[in-house]
């Protein structure tokens, strides 16, 4: 993709307020967007997240009152709830090391030093007290990846922070798992009736936000 084309798609993207409920993202495009979530980078490569794609209309309807009654929840093609781990136990760290060993085809003992470093930071260090906060920051990287890749495919999106995470956790049965709702994202296609589609994008100029040191 040419630089100019990429920038054009980023300028085209906006937070859709009204989706076309009749227009759906194709299976092939959605698989690409799922892969964009899976391929998101994370601290230590730990991937402390789970992405729930809520397609059941009944569940979406239950979530709407806890989303400031925003219509995007029910009208979008795909509704994604991005959840962050609230704890990092030995079992999860062992699973991560086992996966590294399996995928890279090397003995897991090779990663003993790496495992010790992670544990000293996230299990014994100061950050051990704020795992969910740390994991939530990783989740936001995934959110950005999803929205950018969607824009490249000319698929619309809208991030939703105006939600009540504990209610989401209850409805999505996350409360009894190590995951907690962090943010949501509606994905689909803008409605012709969305007046914000033609609104000029407001961004600070380069000098305001970028400093070369």
N, C-alpha and C. Protein backbone atom coordinates (compact mmCIF):
# COMPACT_ATOMS: atom_id res chain seq x y z
N UNK A 1 0.84 -1.20 0.00
CA UNK A 1 0.00 0.00 0.00
C UNK A 1 0.88 1.25 0.00
N UNK A 2 0.54 2.19 -0.86
CA UNK A 2 1.27 3.45 -0.93
C UNK A 2 1.03 4.27 0.34
N UNK A 3 2.05 5.07 0.72
CA UNK A 3 1.91 5.92 1.90
C UNK A 3 0.67 6.79 1.83
N UNK A 4 0.45 7.36 0.65
CA UNK A 4 -0.70 8.27 0.48
C UNK A 4 -2.02 7.53 0.66
N UNK A 5 -2.07 6.28 0.19
CA UNK A 5 -3.30 5.49 0.33
C UNK A 5 -3.59 5.16 1.79
N UNK A 6 -2.52 4.83 2.52
CA UNK A 6 -2.68 4.52 3.94
C UNK A 6 -3.21 5.73 4.70
N UNK A 7 -2.61 6.89 4.44
CA UNK A 7 -3.05 8.10 5.12
C UNK A 7 -4.48 8.47 4.74
N UNK A 8 -4.83 8.20 3.50
CA UNK A 8 -6.19 8.49 3.04
C UNK A 8 -7.21 7.66 3.82
N UNK A 9 -6.88 6.39 4.07
CA UNK A 9 -7.79 5.53 4.82
C UNK A 9 -7.89 5.95 6.29
N UNK A 10 -6.78 6.42 6.84
CA UNK A 10 -6.82 6.89 8.23
C UNK A 10 -7.63 8.17 8.36
N UNK A 11 -7.59 8.99 7.32
CA UNK A 11 -8.40 10.21 7.31
C UNK A 11 -9.88 9.86 7.11
N UNK A 12 -10.13 8.80 6.36
CA UNK A 12 -11.50 8.36 6.09
C UNK A 12 -12.16 7.80 7.35
N UNK A 13 -11.36 7.16 8.20
CA UNK A 13 -11.89 6.54 9.42
C UNK A 13 -12.42 7.59 10.41
N UNK A 14 -13.51 7.27 11.04
CA UNK A 14 -14.03 8.10 12.14
C UNK A 14 -14.84 7.18 13.06
N UNK A 15 -15.18 7.67 14.23
CA UNK A 15 -15.98 6.87 15.17
C UNK A 15 -17.44 6.92 14.74
N UNK A 16 -17.89 5.87 14.10
CA UNK A 16 -19.25 5.83 13.54
C UNK A 16 -20.30 5.89 14.66
N UNK A 17 -21.24 6.78 14.48
CA UNK A 17 -22.31 6.94 15.46
C UNK A 17 -23.56 6.15 15.08
N UNK A 18 -23.72 5.90 13.78
CA UNK A 18 -24.89 5.16 13.31
C UNK A 18 -24.46 4.18 12.22
N UNK A 19 -24.64 2.91 12.49
CA UNK A 19 -24.28 1.86 11.53
C UNK A 19 -25.47 1.47 10.66
N UNK A 20 -25.15 0.96 9.47
CA UNK A 20 -26.15 0.36 8.59
C UNK A 20 -26.35 -1.08 9.07
N UNK A 21 -27.45 -1.34 9.74
CA UNK A 21 -27.68 -2.65 10.35
C UNK A 21 -27.88 -3.76 9.31
N UNK A 22 -28.13 -3.39 8.06
CA UNK A 22 -28.35 -4.38 7.01
C UNK A 22 -27.07 -4.81 6.31
N UNK A 23 -26.00 -4.06 6.53
CA UNK A 23 -24.75 -4.34 5.82
C UNK A 23 -23.77 -5.06 6.74
N UNK A 24 -23.33 -6.23 6.32
CA UNK A 24 -22.48 -7.06 7.17
C UNK A 24 -21.07 -7.20 6.60
N UNK A 25 -20.11 -7.33 7.50
CA UNK A 25 -18.73 -7.58 7.11
C UNK A 25 -18.64 -9.02 6.60
N UNK A 26 -17.98 -9.22 5.46
CA UNK A 26 -17.88 -10.56 4.87
C UNK A 26 -17.05 -11.47 5.78
N UNK A 27 -17.26 -12.78 5.64
CA UNK A 27 -16.52 -13.75 6.45
C UNK A 27 -15.02 -13.62 6.25
N UNK A 28 -14.60 -13.43 5.00
CA UNK A 28 -13.16 -13.33 4.72
C UNK A 28 -12.56 -12.08 5.34
N UNK A 29 -13.27 -10.96 5.25
CA UNK A 29 -12.77 -9.73 5.87
C UNK A 29 -12.74 -9.86 7.38
N UNK A 30 -13.77 -10.51 7.93
CA UNK A 30 -13.78 -10.65 9.38
C UNK A 30 -12.64 -11.53 9.87
N UNK A 31 -12.34 -12.59 9.13
CA UNK A 31 -11.22 -13.45 9.53
C UNK A 31 -9.92 -12.65 9.54
N UNK A 32 -9.78 -11.73 8.58
CA UNK A 32 -8.59 -10.87 8.55
C UNK A 32 -8.55 -9.99 9.79
N UNK A 33 -9.68 -9.44 10.17
CA UNK A 33 -9.72 -8.58 11.35
C UNK A 33 -9.48 -9.38 12.63
N UNK A 34 -9.96 -10.62 12.66
CA UNK A 34 -9.65 -11.47 13.82
C UNK A 34 -8.15 -11.70 13.91
N UNK A 35 -7.53 -11.94 12.76
CA UNK A 35 -6.08 -12.15 12.74
C UNK A 35 -5.34 -10.90 13.20
N UNK A 36 -5.88 -9.72 12.89
CA UNK A 36 -5.24 -8.48 13.34
C UNK A 36 -5.23 -8.40 14.86
N UNK A 37 -6.26 -8.94 15.49
CA UNK A 37 -6.29 -9.00 16.95
C UNK A 37 -5.26 -10.00 17.47
N UNK A 38 -5.25 -11.17 16.86
CA UNK A 38 -4.33 -12.23 17.28
C UNK A 38 -2.87 -11.80 17.11
N UNK A 39 -2.57 -11.06 16.04
CA UNK A 39 -1.19 -10.67 15.73
C UNK A 39 -0.73 -9.41 16.46
N UNK A 40 -1.58 -8.85 17.29
CA UNK A 40 -1.22 -7.64 18.03
C UNK A 40 -0.03 -7.90 18.95
N UNK A 41 0.95 -7.00 18.96
CA UNK A 41 2.08 -7.15 19.89
C UNK A 41 1.66 -6.84 21.33
N UNK A 42 2.36 -7.45 22.28
CA UNK A 42 2.08 -7.18 23.70
C UNK A 42 3.37 -7.27 24.50
N UNK A 43 3.35 -6.68 25.67
CA UNK A 43 4.52 -6.70 26.55
C UNK A 43 4.92 -8.13 26.88
N UNK A 44 6.19 -8.46 26.66
CA UNK A 44 6.74 -9.80 26.84
C UNK A 44 6.12 -10.82 25.89
N UNK A 45 5.20 -10.39 25.03
CA UNK A 45 4.49 -11.32 24.16
C UNK A 45 3.45 -12.14 24.90
N UNK A 46 3.03 -11.67 26.08
CA UNK A 46 2.16 -12.47 26.95
C UNK A 46 0.69 -12.52 26.54
N UNK A 47 0.26 -11.60 25.70
CA UNK A 47 -1.11 -11.61 25.18
C UNK A 47 -2.15 -11.75 26.30
N UNK A 48 -2.16 -10.82 27.26
CA UNK A 48 -3.04 -10.96 28.42
C UNK A 48 -4.47 -10.50 28.15
N UNK A 49 -5.10 -11.13 27.18
CA UNK A 49 -6.40 -10.65 26.73
C UNK A 49 -7.30 -11.78 26.24
N UNK A 50 -8.54 -11.44 26.07
CA UNK A 50 -9.51 -12.30 25.39
C UNK A 50 -10.45 -11.37 24.64
N UNK A 51 -10.80 -11.77 23.41
CA UNK A 51 -11.68 -10.95 22.57
C UNK A 51 -12.99 -11.70 22.36
N UNK A 52 -14.06 -11.14 22.87
CA UNK A 52 -15.37 -11.78 22.74
C UNK A 52 -16.14 -11.11 21.60
N UNK A 53 -16.46 -11.89 20.58
CA UNK A 53 -17.23 -11.38 19.45
C UNK A 53 -18.70 -11.71 19.73
N UNK A 54 -19.44 -10.69 20.09
CA UNK A 54 -20.83 -10.89 20.52
C UNK A 54 -21.76 -10.77 19.32
N UNK A 55 -22.23 -11.90 18.83
CA UNK A 55 -23.10 -11.92 17.66
C UNK A 55 -24.55 -12.25 18.00
N UNK A 56 -24.80 -12.75 19.19
CA UNK A 56 -26.16 -13.08 19.60
C UNK A 56 -26.94 -11.79 19.86
N UNK A 57 -28.00 -11.53 19.07
CA UNK A 57 -28.79 -10.30 19.24
C UNK A 57 -29.35 -10.14 20.65
N UNK A 58 -29.70 -11.25 21.29
CA UNK A 58 -30.26 -11.18 22.64
C UNK A 58 -29.23 -10.68 23.64
N UNK A 59 -28.00 -11.12 23.47
CA UNK A 59 -26.93 -10.68 24.38
C UNK A 59 -26.61 -9.21 24.13
N UNK A 60 -26.58 -8.83 22.87
CA UNK A 60 -26.33 -7.41 22.55
C UNK A 60 -27.40 -6.52 23.18
N UNK A 61 -28.62 -7.00 23.13
CA UNK A 61 -29.73 -6.22 23.70
C UNK A 61 -29.56 -6.05 25.20
N UNK A 62 -29.04 -7.09 25.85
CA UNK A 62 -28.79 -7.01 27.28
C UNK A 62 -27.67 -6.03 27.61
N UNK A 63 -26.70 -5.92 26.69
CA UNK A 63 -25.55 -5.04 26.91
C UNK A 63 -25.89 -3.56 26.69
N UNK A 64 -26.86 -3.31 25.83
CA UNK A 64 -27.18 -1.93 25.44
C UNK A 64 -27.46 -0.98 26.61
N UNK A 65 -28.29 -1.36 27.59
CA UNK A 65 -28.55 -0.44 28.70
C UNK A 65 -27.29 -0.10 29.50
N UNK A 66 -26.29 -0.97 29.42
CA UNK A 66 -25.04 -0.75 30.15
C UNK A 66 -23.98 -0.16 29.23
N UNK A 67 -24.46 0.40 28.11
CA UNK A 67 -23.58 1.04 27.12
C UNK A 67 -24.13 2.43 26.78
N UNK A 68 -24.73 3.07 27.78
CA UNK A 68 -25.35 4.38 27.59
C UNK A 68 -26.40 4.35 26.48
N UNK A 69 -26.98 3.17 26.25
CA UNK A 69 -28.00 2.97 25.21
C UNK A 69 -27.51 3.38 23.82
N UNK A 70 -26.22 3.23 23.58
CA UNK A 70 -25.67 3.57 22.27
C UNK A 70 -26.14 2.53 21.24
N UNK A 71 -26.65 3.02 20.12
CA UNK A 71 -27.24 2.14 19.11
C UNK A 71 -26.21 1.27 18.39
N UNK A 72 -24.95 1.67 18.45
CA UNK A 72 -23.91 0.90 17.75
C UNK A 72 -23.84 -0.55 18.23
N UNK A 73 -24.15 -0.76 19.50
CA UNK A 73 -24.05 -2.11 20.08
C UNK A 73 -24.90 -3.11 19.31
N UNK A 74 -26.11 -2.73 18.96
CA UNK A 74 -27.02 -3.65 18.29
C UNK A 74 -27.01 -3.52 16.77
N UNK A 75 -26.62 -2.37 16.26
CA UNK A 75 -26.73 -2.14 14.81
C UNK A 75 -25.49 -2.52 14.01
N UNK A 76 -24.34 -2.66 14.67
CA UNK A 76 -23.11 -2.96 13.93
C UNK A 76 -23.11 -4.40 13.43
N UNK A 77 -22.20 -4.69 12.53
CA UNK A 77 -22.08 -6.05 11.99
C UNK A 77 -21.47 -6.99 13.03
N UNK A 78 -20.36 -6.57 13.63
CA UNK A 78 -19.66 -7.37 14.63
C UNK A 78 -19.36 -6.50 15.86
N UNK A 79 -19.69 -7.02 17.03
CA UNK A 79 -19.45 -6.26 18.26
C UNK A 79 -18.41 -7.01 19.09
N UNK A 80 -17.30 -6.36 19.33
CA UNK A 80 -16.18 -7.00 20.02
C UNK A 80 -15.99 -6.41 21.42
N UNK A 81 -15.94 -7.27 22.40
CA UNK A 81 -15.62 -6.85 23.76
C UNK A 81 -14.19 -7.31 24.04
N UNK A 82 -13.33 -6.36 24.36
CA UNK A 82 -11.93 -6.66 24.61
C UNK A 82 -11.71 -6.73 26.12
N UNK A 83 -11.30 -7.90 26.59
CA UNK A 83 -11.13 -8.12 28.02
C UNK A 83 -9.66 -8.31 28.37
N UNK A 84 -9.29 -7.83 29.55
CA UNK A 84 -7.90 -7.91 30.01
C UNK A 84 -7.81 -8.89 31.19
N UNK A 85 -6.69 -9.56 31.30
CA UNK A 85 -6.49 -10.45 32.45
C UNK A 85 -6.39 -9.64 33.73
N UNK A 86 -6.98 -10.16 34.77
CA UNK A 86 -6.93 -9.48 36.07
C UNK A 86 -5.88 -10.10 36.98
N UNK A 87 -5.31 -11.21 36.53
CA UNK A 87 -4.27 -11.89 37.31
C UNK A 87 -3.32 -12.62 36.36
N UNK A 88 -2.13 -12.88 36.83
CA UNK A 88 -1.15 -13.61 36.03
C UNK A 88 -0.60 -14.73 36.91
N UNK A 89 -1.21 -15.90 36.83
CA UNK A 89 -0.80 -16.99 37.71
C UNK A 89 0.28 -17.86 37.06
N UNK A 90 0.79 -18.81 37.84
CA UNK A 90 1.86 -19.69 37.36
C UNK A 90 1.40 -20.51 36.16
N UNK A 91 0.14 -20.95 36.18
CA UNK A 91 -0.38 -21.78 35.09
C UNK A 91 -0.34 -21.03 33.76
N UNK A 92 -0.70 -19.73 33.79
CA UNK A 92 -0.69 -18.96 32.54
C UNK A 92 0.72 -18.75 32.04
N UNK A 93 1.64 -18.46 32.95
CA UNK A 93 3.03 -18.25 32.55
C UNK A 93 3.63 -19.55 32.01
N UNK A 94 3.30 -20.67 32.63
CA UNK A 94 3.78 -21.98 32.15
C UNK A 94 3.23 -22.26 30.75
N UNK A 95 1.94 -21.96 30.55
CA UNK A 95 1.32 -22.16 29.24
C UNK A 95 2.04 -21.33 28.18
N UNK A 96 2.35 -20.07 28.51
CA UNK A 96 3.04 -19.19 27.58
C UNK A 96 4.41 -19.76 27.19
N UNK A 97 5.17 -20.21 28.18
CA UNK A 97 6.50 -20.78 27.91
C UNK A 97 6.37 -22.06 27.09
N UNK A 98 5.38 -22.89 27.40
CA UNK A 98 5.15 -24.12 26.64
C UNK A 98 4.84 -23.81 25.17
N UNK A 99 4.05 -22.77 24.94
CA UNK A 99 3.71 -22.37 23.57
C UNK A 99 4.95 -21.87 22.82
N UNK A 100 5.78 -21.10 23.49
CA UNK A 100 7.02 -20.63 22.87
C UNK A 100 7.90 -21.82 22.47
N UNK A 101 7.98 -22.78 23.37
CA UNK A 101 8.79 -23.98 23.11
C UNK A 101 8.23 -24.77 21.94
N UNK A 102 6.92 -24.94 21.91
CA UNK A 102 6.28 -25.73 20.85
C UNK A 102 6.40 -25.05 19.49
N UNK A 103 6.09 -23.76 19.44
CA UNK A 103 6.07 -23.04 18.17
C UNK A 103 7.47 -22.84 17.60
N UNK A 104 8.42 -22.57 18.47
CA UNK A 104 9.79 -22.34 18.00
C UNK A 104 10.63 -23.61 17.97
N UNK A 105 10.03 -24.70 18.43
CA UNK A 105 10.67 -26.01 18.38
C UNK A 105 12.03 -26.03 19.09
N UNK A 106 12.03 -25.49 20.29
CA UNK A 106 13.23 -25.52 21.13
C UNK A 106 12.82 -25.94 22.55
N UNK A 107 13.74 -26.53 23.32
CA UNK A 107 13.39 -26.95 24.68
C UNK A 107 12.92 -25.78 25.53
N UNK A 108 11.92 -26.02 26.37
CA UNK A 108 11.40 -24.91 27.17
C UNK A 108 12.41 -24.41 28.19
N UNK A 109 13.41 -25.25 28.49
CA UNK A 109 14.47 -24.81 29.41
C UNK A 109 15.24 -23.62 28.84
N UNK A 110 15.19 -23.49 27.51
CA UNK A 110 15.84 -22.36 26.84
C UNK A 110 15.29 -21.03 27.35
N UNK A 111 14.03 -21.04 27.75
CA UNK A 111 13.37 -19.80 28.16
C UNK A 111 13.34 -19.61 29.68
N UNK A 112 14.14 -20.37 30.40
CA UNK A 112 14.14 -20.29 31.86
C UNK A 112 14.48 -18.88 32.35
N UNK A 113 15.49 -18.27 31.73
CA UNK A 113 15.89 -16.92 32.12
C UNK A 113 14.81 -15.91 31.81
N UNK A 114 14.16 -16.09 30.66
CA UNK A 114 13.10 -15.17 30.24
C UNK A 114 11.91 -15.28 31.20
N UNK A 115 11.58 -16.52 31.55
CA UNK A 115 10.47 -16.75 32.48
C UNK A 115 10.76 -16.11 33.83
N UNK A 116 11.99 -16.24 34.29
CA UNK A 116 12.38 -15.66 35.58
C UNK A 116 12.28 -14.14 35.54
N UNK A 117 12.67 -13.55 34.40
CA UNK A 117 12.61 -12.09 34.26
C UNK A 117 11.16 -11.61 34.31
N UNK A 118 10.27 -12.31 33.60
CA UNK A 118 8.85 -11.94 33.61
C UNK A 118 8.29 -12.05 35.02
N UNK A 119 8.60 -13.16 35.68
CA UNK A 119 8.09 -13.38 37.03
C UNK A 119 8.58 -12.32 38.01
N UNK A 120 9.85 -11.93 37.88
CA UNK A 120 10.40 -10.93 38.79
C UNK A 120 9.74 -9.57 38.61
N UNK A 121 9.24 -9.33 37.41
CA UNK A 121 8.56 -8.05 37.12
C UNK A 121 7.08 -8.11 37.47
N UNK A 122 6.38 -9.09 36.90
CA UNK A 122 4.93 -9.11 36.98
C UNK A 122 4.35 -9.94 38.13
N UNK A 123 5.18 -10.79 38.73
CA UNK A 123 4.67 -11.61 39.84
C UNK A 123 5.27 -11.20 41.19
N UNK A 124 6.50 -10.67 41.15
CA UNK A 124 7.15 -10.31 42.41
C UNK A 124 7.43 -8.81 42.53
N UNK A 125 7.50 -8.12 41.41
CA UNK A 125 7.81 -6.70 41.41
C UNK A 125 6.60 -5.83 41.70
N UNK A 126 6.81 -4.50 41.68
CA UNK A 126 5.71 -3.55 41.96
C UNK A 126 4.51 -3.72 41.04
N UNK A 127 4.76 -4.14 39.79
CA UNK A 127 3.65 -4.25 38.84
C UNK A 127 2.74 -5.45 39.14
N UNK A 128 3.17 -6.32 40.04
CA UNK A 128 2.34 -7.47 40.40
C UNK A 128 1.04 -7.02 41.06
N UNK A 129 1.04 -5.79 41.59
CA UNK A 129 -0.15 -5.25 42.25
C UNK A 129 -1.11 -4.59 41.26
N UNK A 130 -0.70 -4.47 40.00
CA UNK A 130 -1.54 -3.77 39.02
C UNK A 130 -1.59 -4.51 37.69
N UNK A 131 -1.76 -5.82 37.76
CA UNK A 131 -1.79 -6.64 36.56
C UNK A 131 -2.92 -6.23 35.62
N UNK A 132 -4.11 -5.99 36.16
CA UNK A 132 -5.23 -5.63 35.28
C UNK A 132 -4.97 -4.31 34.56
N UNK A 133 -4.39 -3.35 35.26
CA UNK A 133 -4.06 -2.07 34.63
C UNK A 133 -3.02 -2.27 33.53
N UNK A 134 -2.00 -3.07 33.81
CA UNK A 134 -0.97 -3.38 32.81
C UNK A 134 -1.60 -4.10 31.61
N UNK A 135 -2.44 -5.09 31.88
CA UNK A 135 -3.07 -5.86 30.80
C UNK A 135 -4.00 -4.99 29.96
N UNK A 136 -4.69 -4.07 30.61
CA UNK A 136 -5.60 -3.17 29.88
C UNK A 136 -4.84 -2.32 28.88
N UNK A 137 -3.64 -1.89 29.25
CA UNK A 137 -2.83 -1.12 28.30
C UNK A 137 -2.49 -1.96 27.07
N UNK A 138 -2.27 -3.25 27.27
CA UNK A 138 -1.99 -4.14 26.14
C UNK A 138 -3.24 -4.27 25.25
N UNK A 139 -4.39 -4.35 25.91
CA UNK A 139 -5.66 -4.48 25.19
C UNK A 139 -5.89 -3.29 24.26
N UNK A 140 -5.49 -2.10 24.70
CA UNK A 140 -5.69 -0.92 23.87
C UNK A 140 -4.81 -0.94 22.62
N UNK A 141 -3.68 -1.64 22.70
CA UNK A 141 -2.87 -1.82 21.49
C UNK A 141 -3.66 -2.64 20.48
N UNK A 142 -4.33 -3.69 20.98
CA UNK A 142 -5.16 -4.54 20.11
C UNK A 142 -6.32 -3.74 19.52
N UNK A 143 -6.92 -2.88 20.32
CA UNK A 143 -8.02 -2.04 19.82
C UNK A 143 -7.54 -1.16 18.67
N UNK A 144 -6.39 -0.54 18.83
CA UNK A 144 -5.84 0.30 17.77
C UNK A 144 -5.54 -0.50 16.52
N UNK A 145 -5.00 -1.70 16.71
CA UNK A 145 -4.68 -2.57 15.58
C UNK A 145 -5.94 -2.93 14.81
N UNK A 146 -6.99 -3.30 15.54
CA UNK A 146 -8.27 -3.66 14.92
C UNK A 146 -8.84 -2.51 14.11
N UNK A 147 -8.86 -1.33 14.69
CA UNK A 147 -9.47 -0.18 14.01
C UNK A 147 -8.66 0.26 12.80
N UNK A 148 -7.34 0.20 12.90
CA UNK A 148 -6.50 0.59 11.77
C UNK A 148 -6.65 -0.40 10.62
N UNK A 149 -6.61 -1.69 10.95
CA UNK A 149 -6.76 -2.70 9.89
C UNK A 149 -8.14 -2.63 9.26
N UNK A 150 -9.15 -2.35 10.06
CA UNK A 150 -10.50 -2.19 9.51
C UNK A 150 -10.54 -1.02 8.53
N UNK A 151 -9.91 0.08 8.89
CA UNK A 151 -9.89 1.26 8.02
C UNK A 151 -9.20 0.95 6.69
N UNK A 152 -8.11 0.18 6.76
CA UNK A 152 -7.39 -0.20 5.53
C UNK A 152 -8.31 -1.00 4.61
N UNK A 153 -9.18 -1.81 5.20
CA UNK A 153 -10.14 -2.61 4.41
C UNK A 153 -11.41 -1.83 4.09
N UNK A 154 -11.42 -0.56 4.48
CA UNK A 154 -12.58 0.32 4.30
C UNK A 154 -13.80 -0.23 5.03
N UNK A 155 -13.54 -0.68 6.25
CA UNK A 155 -14.59 -1.14 7.16
C UNK A 155 -14.62 -0.17 8.33
N UNK A 156 -15.80 0.21 8.74
CA UNK A 156 -15.94 1.21 9.80
C UNK A 156 -15.87 0.59 11.19
N UNK A 157 -15.62 1.47 12.15
CA UNK A 157 -15.56 1.01 13.54
C UNK A 157 -15.90 2.16 14.48
N UNK A 158 -16.15 1.80 15.72
CA UNK A 158 -16.38 2.80 16.77
C UNK A 158 -15.97 2.20 18.11
N UNK A 159 -14.94 2.75 18.76
CA UNK A 159 -14.56 2.26 20.08
C UNK A 159 -15.57 2.74 21.12
N UNK A 160 -15.86 1.91 22.09
CA UNK A 160 -16.83 2.29 23.13
C UNK A 160 -16.21 2.14 24.51
N UNK A 161 -15.96 3.27 25.15
CA UNK A 161 -15.56 3.26 26.56
C UNK A 161 -16.75 3.59 27.45
N UNK A 162 -17.80 4.08 26.84
CA UNK A 162 -19.00 4.43 27.60
C UNK A 162 -19.82 3.20 27.91
N UNK A 163 -19.21 2.31 28.68
CA UNK A 163 -19.86 1.06 29.06
C UNK A 163 -19.64 0.85 30.56
N UNK A 164 -20.39 -0.09 31.13
CA UNK A 164 -20.23 -0.41 32.56
C UNK A 164 -19.57 -1.79 32.64
N UNK A 165 -18.25 -1.85 32.77
CA UNK A 165 -17.54 -3.13 32.74
C UNK A 165 -18.06 -4.20 33.69
N UNK A 166 -18.38 -3.90 34.95
CA UNK A 166 -18.89 -4.97 35.83
C UNK A 166 -20.18 -5.61 35.31
N UNK A 167 -21.04 -4.81 34.68
CA UNK A 167 -22.28 -5.35 34.11
C UNK A 167 -21.96 -6.21 32.88
N UNK A 168 -21.02 -5.75 32.07
CA UNK A 168 -20.58 -6.56 30.93
C UNK A 168 -20.04 -7.89 31.42
N UNK A 169 -19.20 -7.84 32.46
CA UNK A 169 -18.61 -9.07 33.01
C UNK A 169 -19.70 -10.04 33.47
N UNK A 170 -20.72 -9.49 34.07
CA UNK A 170 -21.83 -10.32 34.57
C UNK A 170 -22.59 -10.96 33.41
N UNK A 171 -22.94 -10.18 32.41
CA UNK A 171 -23.72 -10.68 31.27
C UNK A 171 -22.92 -11.67 30.43
N UNK A 172 -21.63 -11.38 30.26
CA UNK A 172 -20.77 -12.23 29.42
C UNK A 172 -20.12 -13.35 30.21
N UNK A 173 -20.50 -13.46 31.49
CA UNK A 173 -19.99 -14.53 32.36
C UNK A 173 -18.46 -14.49 32.49
N UNK A 174 -17.92 -13.29 32.57
CA UNK A 174 -16.48 -13.14 32.76
C UNK A 174 -16.10 -13.08 34.24
N UNK A 175 -17.09 -12.83 35.08
CA UNK A 175 -16.82 -12.62 36.51
C UNK A 175 -16.13 -13.80 37.18
N UNK A 176 -16.36 -15.00 36.66
CA UNK A 176 -15.76 -16.20 37.26
C UNK A 176 -14.51 -16.64 36.51
N UNK A 177 -14.00 -15.78 35.62
CA UNK A 177 -12.79 -16.08 34.85
C UNK A 177 -11.70 -15.07 35.24
N UNK A 178 -10.49 -15.25 34.72
CA UNK A 178 -9.41 -14.29 35.02
C UNK A 178 -9.50 -13.02 34.18
N UNK A 179 -10.56 -12.87 33.37
CA UNK A 179 -10.66 -11.73 32.46
C UNK A 179 -11.72 -10.73 32.91
N UNK A 180 -11.45 -9.45 32.60
CA UNK A 180 -12.39 -8.38 32.92
C UNK A 180 -12.53 -7.45 31.71
N UNK A 181 -13.75 -7.01 31.45
CA UNK A 181 -14.01 -6.10 30.33
C UNK A 181 -13.18 -4.83 30.46
N UNK A 182 -12.52 -4.46 29.36
CA UNK A 182 -11.73 -3.22 29.33
C UNK A 182 -12.38 -2.17 28.44
N UNK A 183 -12.78 -2.58 27.25
CA UNK A 183 -13.32 -1.65 26.26
C UNK A 183 -14.06 -2.49 25.21
N UNK A 184 -14.87 -1.85 24.39
CA UNK A 184 -15.58 -2.56 23.32
C UNK A 184 -15.37 -1.84 22.00
N UNK A 185 -15.66 -2.53 20.91
CA UNK A 185 -15.53 -1.90 19.60
C UNK A 185 -16.61 -2.45 18.66
N UNK A 186 -17.37 -1.54 18.09
CA UNK A 186 -18.38 -1.90 17.10
C UNK A 186 -17.74 -1.82 15.72
N UNK A 187 -18.00 -2.83 14.89
CA UNK A 187 -17.40 -2.90 13.55
C UNK A 187 -18.50 -3.14 12.53
N UNK A 188 -18.43 -2.46 11.42
CA UNK A 188 -19.44 -2.63 10.37
C UNK A 188 -19.32 -1.56 9.31
N UNK A 189 -20.46 -1.04 8.88
CA UNK A 189 -20.46 -0.02 7.82
C UNK A 189 -21.38 1.13 8.22
N UNK A 190 -20.89 2.32 7.98
CA UNK A 190 -21.63 3.54 8.35
C UNK A 190 -22.96 3.64 7.61
N UNK A 191 -23.93 4.18 8.30
CA UNK A 191 -25.23 4.46 7.69
C UNK A 191 -25.14 5.77 6.91
N UNK A 192 -25.90 5.85 5.84
CA UNK A 192 -25.95 7.10 5.07
C UNK A 192 -26.56 8.22 5.90
N UNK A 193 -27.24 7.84 6.96
CA UNK A 193 -27.90 8.83 7.82
C UNK A 193 -26.98 9.36 8.93
N UNK A 194 -25.76 8.84 9.00
CA UNK A 194 -24.84 9.30 10.04
C UNK A 194 -24.26 10.66 9.66
N UNK A 195 -24.73 11.70 10.32
CA UNK A 195 -24.32 13.06 9.97
C UNK A 195 -22.85 13.32 10.26
N UNK A 196 -22.25 12.49 11.11
CA UNK A 196 -20.85 12.70 11.47
C UNK A 196 -19.88 12.21 10.39
N UNK A 197 -20.40 11.48 9.42
CA UNK A 197 -19.54 10.94 8.36
C UNK A 197 -18.83 12.03 7.57
N UNK A 198 -19.48 13.16 7.41
CA UNK A 198 -18.91 14.25 6.62
C UNK A 198 -18.25 15.33 7.48
N UNK A 199 -18.26 15.15 8.78
CA UNK A 199 -17.65 16.16 9.66
C UNK A 199 -16.14 16.16 9.49
N UNK A 200 -15.55 17.34 9.47
CA UNK A 200 -14.10 17.44 9.32
C UNK A 200 -13.40 16.87 10.55
N UNK A 201 -12.34 16.14 10.29
CA UNK A 201 -11.57 15.54 11.38
C UNK A 201 -10.76 16.62 12.09
N UNK A 202 -10.87 16.68 13.39
CA UNK A 202 -10.14 17.68 14.18
C UNK A 202 -8.91 17.03 14.79
N UNK A 203 -7.74 17.42 14.32
CA UNK A 203 -6.48 16.91 14.85
C UNK A 203 -5.52 18.07 15.04
N UNK A 204 -4.75 18.05 16.15
CA UNK A 204 -3.77 19.09 16.38
C UNK A 204 -2.68 19.01 15.32
N UNK A 205 -2.02 20.12 15.06
CA UNK A 205 -0.99 20.11 14.02
C UNK A 205 0.27 19.38 14.50
N UNK A 206 1.11 19.09 13.56
CA UNK A 206 2.32 18.31 13.80
C UNK A 206 3.18 18.90 14.93
N UNK A 207 3.37 20.22 14.88
CA UNK A 207 4.23 20.89 15.85
C UNK A 207 3.69 20.76 17.28
N UNK A 208 2.38 20.62 17.40
CA UNK A 208 1.75 20.53 18.72
C UNK A 208 2.00 19.17 19.38
N UNK A 209 2.04 18.12 18.59
CA UNK A 209 2.07 16.77 19.18
C UNK A 209 3.35 15.98 18.93
N UNK A 210 4.17 16.41 17.99
CA UNK A 210 5.41 15.68 17.70
C UNK A 210 6.61 16.57 18.00
N UNK A 211 7.50 16.04 18.80
CA UNK A 211 8.73 16.77 19.14
C UNK A 211 9.93 15.89 18.84
N UNK A 212 10.83 16.37 18.02
CA UNK A 212 12.05 15.64 17.69
C UNK A 212 13.13 16.06 18.68
N UNK A 213 13.68 15.11 19.38
CA UNK A 213 14.71 15.41 20.39
C UNK A 213 16.07 14.89 19.93
